[in-house]
C-alpha cells in the first residue's frame, strides 16, 4: 500500500525498500541495491526513502550513498535528510508514530564524461548502490526502512 501511494501512476526505473531489523541500524551494515540501466539518454531523479519512528533521537540523518558503475568506478554522495523541523515536529507522511519521507538527493544521467567534458558516451549495465548512515553512533535506533527510488525526470 505504501508503495502504491508513493507511485501515483509513475513507473520508476527502480524502487526497493529494505527493513532495518529491530529498527536498529548498525553503521557497518549498509543497505545494498542493484539495478539495470539501458537508457543512457534520459535524466533520472534519485530519492532516498526513509521510515522513522518517534523514538529516533535526532532531527536529521546523514547518509553515505556509494555508487559503483558497470565498469567498477565508484563515487560517493554524502547527504543530509531533515526528518524534523526546528520545533521538533516530525516531517513526512503517515498516521501514528511512524513517518515516511522521500527525499530527492541527486539528478543523474547514466553517461560518462571525458576530462574536457566532451565526447560523452553511455554507460548501460548493472549499477550497485550502498546506503549507510553517518551519524557517529554505531547503533542508530528508530529507523525502520531505507529505500532507493530512481525515476525519469519530468521534462517540465
Protein backbone atom coordinates (compact mmCIF):
# COMPACT_ATOMS: atom_id res chain seq x y z
CA UNK A 1 0.00 0.00 0.00
CA UNK A 2 2.82 2.40 0.87
CA UNK A 3 4.49 1.92 -2.49
CA UNK A 4 1.16 2.46 -4.21
CA UNK A 5 0.71 5.81 -2.53
CA UNK A 6 4.23 6.87 -3.40
CA UNK A 7 3.92 5.70 -7.00
CA UNK A 8 0.97 7.86 -8.08
CA UNK A 9 0.93 6.21 -11.52
CA UNK A 10 4.61 6.87 -12.23
CA UNK A 11 6.74 3.86 -13.15
CA UNK A 12 10.23 4.21 -11.69
CA UNK A 13 13.35 2.69 -13.23
CA UNK A 14 13.94 1.16 -9.80
CA UNK A 15 12.42 1.17 -6.33
CA UNK A 16 13.19 -1.04 -3.37
CA UNK A 17 12.74 -0.55 0.36
CA UNK A 18 14.59 -2.67 2.89
CA UNK A 19 13.67 -3.28 6.53
CA UNK A 20 16.06 -2.37 9.29
CA UNK A 21 15.98 -5.29 11.70
CA UNK A 22 14.55 -4.27 15.08
CA UNK A 23 14.66 -0.61 13.91
CA UNK A 24 18.34 -0.63 14.89
CA UNK A 25 20.70 0.27 12.02
CA UNK A 26 24.36 -0.53 12.58
CA UNK A 27 26.86 1.76 10.89
CA UNK A 28 28.75 -1.17 9.34
CA UNK A 29 25.61 -2.70 7.76
CA UNK A 30 24.85 -0.73 4.60
CA UNK A 31 21.71 -1.44 2.62
CA UNK A 32 22.63 -2.77 -0.83
CA UNK A 33 20.69 -2.11 -4.05
CA UNK A 34 21.38 -3.28 -7.62
CA UNK A 35 19.60 -2.25 -10.81
CA UNK A 36 20.00 -2.47 -14.56
CA UNK A 37 20.29 0.63 -16.79
CA UNK A 38 19.63 0.57 -20.52
CA UNK A 39 18.54 4.22 -21.01
CA UNK A 40 21.65 6.41 -21.10
CA UNK A 41 19.89 9.40 -22.68
CA UNK A 42 17.23 10.34 -20.09
CA UNK A 43 17.88 12.21 -16.87
CA UNK A 44 16.86 10.47 -13.65
CA UNK A 45 15.96 11.66 -10.14
CA UNK A 46 17.42 9.71 -7.23
CA UNK A 47 15.41 9.57 -4.00
CA UNK A 48 16.05 8.00 -0.63
CA UNK A 49 13.00 6.61 1.18
CA UNK A 50 13.14 6.70 4.98
CA UNK A 51 10.66 5.42 7.56
CA UNK A 52 11.44 6.56 11.08
CA UNK A 53 9.68 6.32 14.41
CA UNK A 54 9.20 8.93 17.11
CA UNK A 55 11.93 7.23 19.13
CA UNK A 56 14.52 8.34 16.56
CA UNK A 57 16.86 10.53 18.66
CA UNK A 58 17.83 13.15 16.04
CA UNK A 59 16.10 15.69 13.80
CA UNK A 60 18.16 14.68 10.76
CA UNK A 61 20.18 11.81 9.37
CA UNK A 62 23.40 11.84 7.36
CA UNK A 63 23.72 9.14 4.73
CA UNK A 64 26.61 7.88 2.64
CA UNK A 65 25.45 6.81 -0.83
CA UNK A 66 28.14 4.80 -2.59
CA UNK A 67 27.55 4.00 -6.26
CA UNK A 68 29.51 1.62 -8.48
CA UNK A 69 29.00 1.70 -12.23
CA UNK A 70 29.21 -1.35 -14.54
CA UNK A 71 32.94 -0.69 -15.08
CA UNK A 72 33.72 -0.73 -11.36
CA UNK A 73 34.17 3.03 -10.99
CA UNK A 74 32.93 4.30 -7.64
CA UNK A 75 31.55 7.56 -6.36
CA UNK A 76 30.17 8.75 -3.02
CA UNK A 77 27.47 11.26 -2.12
CA UNK A 78 27.04 12.48 1.45
CA UNK A 79 23.53 13.71 2.06
CA UNK A 80 21.68 15.21 5.00
CA UNK A 81 18.00 14.38 5.32
CA UNK A 82 15.91 16.52 7.64
CA UNK A 83 13.35 14.42 9.48
CA UNK A 84 12.01 17.05 11.90
CA UNK A 85 11.55 20.81 11.78
CA UNK A 86 13.11 23.36 14.13
CA UNK A 87 10.22 22.84 16.59
CA UNK A 88 10.85 19.09 16.81
CA UNK A 89 7.79 18.17 14.75
CA UNK A 90 8.32 15.18 12.50
CA UNK A 91 8.26 15.77 8.75
CA UNK A 92 6.89 13.32 6.24
CA UNK A 93 3.61 11.50 5.95
CA UNK A 94 1.94 8.82 7.97
CA UNK A 95 -0.54 8.38 10.75
CA UNK A 96 0.67 7.47 14.20
CA UNK A 97 4.21 7.10 15.40
CA UNK A 98 5.96 6.22 12.10
CA UNK A 99 6.73 8.83 9.45
CA UNK A 100 7.67 8.26 5.81
CA UNK A 101 9.88 10.57 3.81
CA UNK A 102 11.00 10.50 0.18
CA UNK A 103 13.87 12.90 -0.36
CA UNK A 104 15.47 13.87 -3.67
CA UNK A 105 19.24 13.72 -3.36
CA UNK A 106 20.56 13.73 -6.93
CA UNK A 107 19.70 14.16 -10.58
CA UNK A 108 21.84 11.99 -12.80
CA UNK A 109 22.28 10.85 -16.37
CA UNK A 110 23.94 7.46 -16.87
CA UNK A 111 26.65 8.91 -19.10
CA UNK A 112 30.38 9.19 -18.74
CA UNK A 113 32.27 12.42 -19.50
CA UNK A 114 35.86 12.83 -20.56
CA UNK A 115 38.17 15.17 -18.65
CA UNK A 116 37.39 18.04 -21.04
CA UNK A 117 33.60 17.40 -20.79
CA UNK A 118 33.40 16.33 -24.43
CA UNK A 119 32.71 13.09 -26.25
CA UNK A 120 30.06 11.71 -23.95
CA UNK A 121 29.15 8.07 -24.21
CA UNK A 122 26.51 5.96 -22.50
CA UNK A 123 27.26 3.56 -19.67
CA UNK A 124 24.49 0.96 -19.65
CA UNK A 125 24.67 -2.06 -17.38
CA UNK A 126 24.32 -3.13 -13.76
CA UNK A 127 24.76 -0.43 -11.11
CA UNK A 128 25.24 -1.01 -7.38
CA UNK A 129 24.36 1.40 -4.59
CA UNK A 130 25.09 1.00 -0.89
CA UNK A 131 23.45 3.33 1.63
CA UNK A 132 24.84 3.58 5.15
CA UNK A 133 24.29 6.09 7.91
CA UNK A 134 26.93 8.52 9.11
CA UNK A 135 25.52 9.58 12.47
CA UNK A 136 28.61 8.94 14.66
CA UNK A 137 26.78 6.29 16.65
CA UNK A 138 27.26 2.63 15.81
CA UNK A 139 23.70 1.53 16.55
CA UNK A 140 21.13 4.00 15.22
CA UNK A 141 17.67 3.36 16.65
CA UNK A 142 14.29 4.42 15.29
CA UNK A 143 14.91 3.85 11.56
CA UNK A 144 12.53 1.19 10.24
CA UNK A 145 13.24 1.15 6.49
CA UNK A 146 15.66 2.60 3.98
CA UNK A 147 14.86 2.61 0.30
CA UNK A 148 16.08 3.82 -3.05
CA UNK A 149 13.89 5.12 -5.85
CA UNK A 150 15.13 6.13 -9.30
CA UNK A 151 12.63 7.67 -11.71
CA UNK A 152 12.83 9.51 -15.00
CA UNK A 153 12.93 13.26 -14.52
CA UNK A 154 9.81 15.02 -15.76
CA UNK A 155 10.89 17.30 -18.65
CA UNK A 156 8.67 20.14 -17.34
